[in-house]
Amino acid sequence: MQSLSQNEVSKVCLQGCCPNLLFNSSPQSHTITKPRNSSSECRHSFAATTTSSIFPNTKFTNHESLPSLHESFSEFNKVYPQYSETEQVDKVRAKEYYHLSFSKHTCLDYIGIGLFSYYQRQQLQHLDPSKTQIASSSTPPQSPSQYSDIPFFSISYKTGNLKTLLLHGGHESKFEAAMRRRIMKFLNISEKDYFMVFTANRTAAFKLVADSYPFQSSKKLLTVYDYESEAVEAMISYSEKRGAKAMSAEFSWPRLKMQSTKLRKMIESKRNKKKKNGLFVFPLHSRVTGARYPNLWMSIAQENEWHVLIDACALGPKDMDSFGLSLFRPDFLICSFYKVFGENPSGLGCLFVKKSALSVLEASSLAGIVNLVPERRLHQLSEDSSGNDVEIEQKSAASSLQEEELASLTSFSRRIQTTQFEGGEGEASELQIIEVPADVGGAQRSNKNHQDKNVQDSENGGFYIECRCLDQVDSLGLRVITNRARYLINWLVNSMLKLKHPNTEGAPLVKIYGPKIKFDRGAALAFNVYDWKGEKVEPVLVQKLADRNNISLSYGFLHHIWFADKYAEEKGRVLQSKEGKGQDVTGNKKKDRYNLGVTVVTAALSFLSNFEDVYKLWAFVARFLDADFVEKERWRYTAINQKTIEV
């Protein structure tokens, strides 16, 4: 295959001229061949150049033979010269998230969008008189863990049901109103078209929809997930109890491409013309494999009388800018936010309900809607009430994450044993709330820190909340963030595939699931490591060893996998139960697709990820080329009989 020269690629592809099209591929069968346009040619050239230019004609059979970080970065910049245009991200990381460099910690397990920066939290720490001893130093803290128990807000559960709350409104503090407006502005969601409620987490948002949607009359629930999602599984469970018929898209082995023909058939199935078909739950891309799905499926579902719920939790921080919300106008949208990248994964979920869809909802009594409680207010409540009026949620990062998607996130496995991320005393100053007269607007704030794009104070009743992480993402923009992630994830995929065992067959060390080198793949990676005998190294062991090496990974479960007859033998070797008990294929095709799958290691890049992060992961995985290393760690793992990661 002939590829473009590096200079040509720089001009054509790497400047980001290929648009992130709304209709990024056709939902028709992939066997249909279409003439290439300039965009598809650009994407093809990007993949071809990545493959041919990064370690060409090279395989690494020994972890000690890897090029150094400096050498690898130099070659990386030659292949992707436009990466230098993203250097502003490195400046933001160095100033606002310096704890990452200080701790030498590589965080590849954060999904969602950050609200605040670490530097912002440190500055607020200095304002707290109770922390004078620490705050008096002008140098960075000796250890990031000194601030690991400082939140910006906590949450309290609301009573009542979703429909009533949206229809008649409820008490909303100035802080909540300001936060809501800031998030909606960041996501480009109009208050004229959508209601928004805060939820305890992502799972709570899915449960609320399941408990409010009229499944008695619109019985179908159709989901499109190539991995097991705790939030979606909870939704399915609640929906089935209320009479729903749950269905799922399927994904073809070995590339895990969506079975488009089957999905279209389910969407276009016969229905009562007077009623909606049901609820179509659609993630814009997989947060485990990085696969992106054509947005056109939303239109197909709407044309066939489905309500549409968009799961935006796996989107990049600026992907909503190119989503086309005004074009597709989904009935529901869910996203999630964490507090501080690399330090505090606790946060909240957000549920958006289109105002025209409110009438279809039914009354529900499920908990999950929350108030955001500023710390100063939280302490007043604890002092002035008996505790019966407000149920305060004070969760550790570990318990919060157990309710979220991949229950094994462990970036804080060493710290969260003794740390409460939410709650604590003497931390009222941890909210950066600036109160100014409503008629002044933003004039009294410096342009350096608060630009015109921020929420106007007059709209927020005189309150302005600085979400510095959101501000940074807005400042960097879609192009810089998307291109940076594209270069890093494709370099990582290509480099992983260069790792081969030193035997005559040259068996690959790593198997990657889903898209490999691809222009528009997401910044998430699902993979497994295999020893020289071809046996899979348990993902939980890989995760635990990565954690020892200051690299935080996750693991997930791929399911709804469809095998053609020619892969029947491979199916028996590949599939296993969720508990990893072996290839216990039952013979019941439907049951096997739902209950059997593949456990995988997962890594997710954030907008703050840099080349050193992906290089460290690559170098760590390469250590599994050493058979002695693998056997020793397996023996140690078995000896202590550790079935799960302890947090």
Foldseek 3Di string as FASTA:
>chain_A
DDADDLVVLQVQALLPPQDPALQNDDLPDPVDDDDDDSNNVNFVRLLVLLQCQQQHPFFDLFLVPDDDLVVNVVSLCSNRVCLVVLCVLVVCCVQFVVLCVVVVFFEFAAFFFAQATNNLLLVLCLVFPVNVVQNVDPDDDPHSLVCLQFAQWFKWWDFWADLVCQVVNDDADLVRLQVVVQVCLLLVHDPVWKDKFWWQFQLLQLCNCLQWFQCVQQAEEEEEAQFDFLSVVNSVVSNVVNRHDYDYWFAAPPQRHTPSVVVLCVLQDDDDPVAANEEYEYEQAYLAALGGDNSCVLVSNVVSRHQYEYEDRRPASRCSVNNPCVVRVGQKYKYWYFHYPLRTRGGIIMIMGTPVCSVRTHTGGDMTTIHIGQQVRVVVCVVPDPCPPIPTDFDFSLVSCCSGTFNAFCLCVPPRVPHGRDDDPSNNSSWPKAFDQLVVWCVVPDCVQDPPSRDTCNSSRRIHGRRPSSVVDVVSDDSSLLSNLLSQQQSLLSLQQSHFAPDPVRHRQKDWHHDGNTRNGASKTWMWGAAPVRHTDDLQLLQVVVVVVSYTWTKTWGASYDYDPVCVVVLQQAKDFPLRPHSPDPPPVVCCRVGITHMTIMGGDHSSDDNVSSVVVSSSSSNSSPVVVSVVSVVVCVVVPDSHRRD
